[in-house]
Amino acid sequence: NDDDGGNQNNNEDAMNENIFSYQPSDNAPSIQFLSLTLLVFGTGFWFADVMGDSIVAEKAKLEPEDMRGQLQSTCYACRFFGLMVATPISTYLYSAYGPAIVVKLMALMPLMMLYPIANLFEVKNAEIKSTREQCGEIWTTVCSRAVWQPMGFVYIYNVLQVGNAAWREFLMSVLNFEDWMMNMFLVVATVLLYLGVMAYKYYFIKWSWRSIYIVTTSLNAVLSMLQILLIQGITFGLSPFIFALGDDIFMEFLSGVQFLPTTIMMVHLCPSGSEGASYAMFTTVSNCAGGVAWSLSTMLLGIWDVSKDTMVNGDISGMTKLTILTTGIQTAGLLFVKMLPNTKEDLAKLHADPYSGSRIGGAIFLTITVMSVLSAVFIGLLNIIAPGWAGES
């Protein structure tokens, strides 16, 4: 009995120590303050991102017809190469030295770009259209069927890319994946994302846009259904980690292949002289659709019981059903693929059609864009003011 009592006390001490290790230190910033600093950082980051995209969009429109898309694919390949290199470095620094060194590097490294940016060649005192003129051009642009139809597809497709929000919890709680395994997912995913961009640049760039979406979405559906096998413990002799790693990272490869056709199409839609504002608006539509998809994925958690306790106790039926549902929703995007022009030539023909304009289509497009932005701002403020308001931990 004494031995049992001693063991029980040791277990309680270990449990208390484990619980304590998850408590923030006394000098840790509050969630509100951390969220605010990330908001400020993100604001500056996206200002710079819009400027860079504007430069690329302007230069891309000067490419010969047979070279269209090469400049963008090269620029984005450089961006994703940097992401691929930075991810394992930041992961190591975080694991070895904590978050402070990562935050300091995030603050200092952008300063290294100030000198080359200050010497960036640009035409001085160039004539700039007034805000009213640029807004008029954008309104004319979005009223064209060549804009609101393909961008409508991009919005609908991205909204339907609803993920399984309980997947990470399943990997860590049921399959007992450790932190280094989850970090490995991120590191390898960035490598495959870069390879996907390069694959499009050197091979898939000749494919039609519809073919890209049909093939990548179909393969994504197959990979998503393979997750059901993992949930059921069927891994064909492979360890669950290797099986899940191959499944998840190949999805990132498909995302890399699928990424560039959309951005190339957006550049074709930008009116000359307003590339920055137009391209920013088009990318905003795409990004806000992703935010809506994230919100929907969180809402779907309440349909079946996929809580941690339920899954750990052996009931994974809800996880299986949720995976099937999200896979079906993602694949449903193919139902709208005919809204997307097949090639750049088809887009040009649609743009040149004098009867393709529609004020109603343009008004709907702008309304959805504005409402999506306001929704993103509202959700962001809620995340700062009331963390966990959506029920997430």
Foldseek 3Di string as FASTA:
>chain_A
DVVVVVVVVVVVVVVVVVVVVPDDDPPDDDLLVVLVVVVVLVVVVVVVVLVVLLVQLQVLVVDPPVCRLLSVLVVVLVVLVVVLVVLVVQVVCCVPPNCPVVVVCSVPVVVVCVVVVVVDDDDPPDDADDPVVLVVVLLQLLLFLLHLLQLVLLLLLLLLLADQPCVVLCCCQVVVDDPVLVSVLVNLLSVLLSVLSVCCSVPVVPFWLLVLCLVLLVVLLVLLLVVLCLLVVNQPPDRSSVSVSVSRSVNSSSVSNNVSVQLSSQSVSDDPSNSSVSSVLSVLSNVLSNVSSHLVSLVVCPPDPSDSVCVNVPDCPRVSVSSVVSSVSNSCSSVSSVSHQGHPVSSVVSRPPPPRGHSVSSVVSVVSSVVSVVVVVVVSVCCSPPNCPSVDD
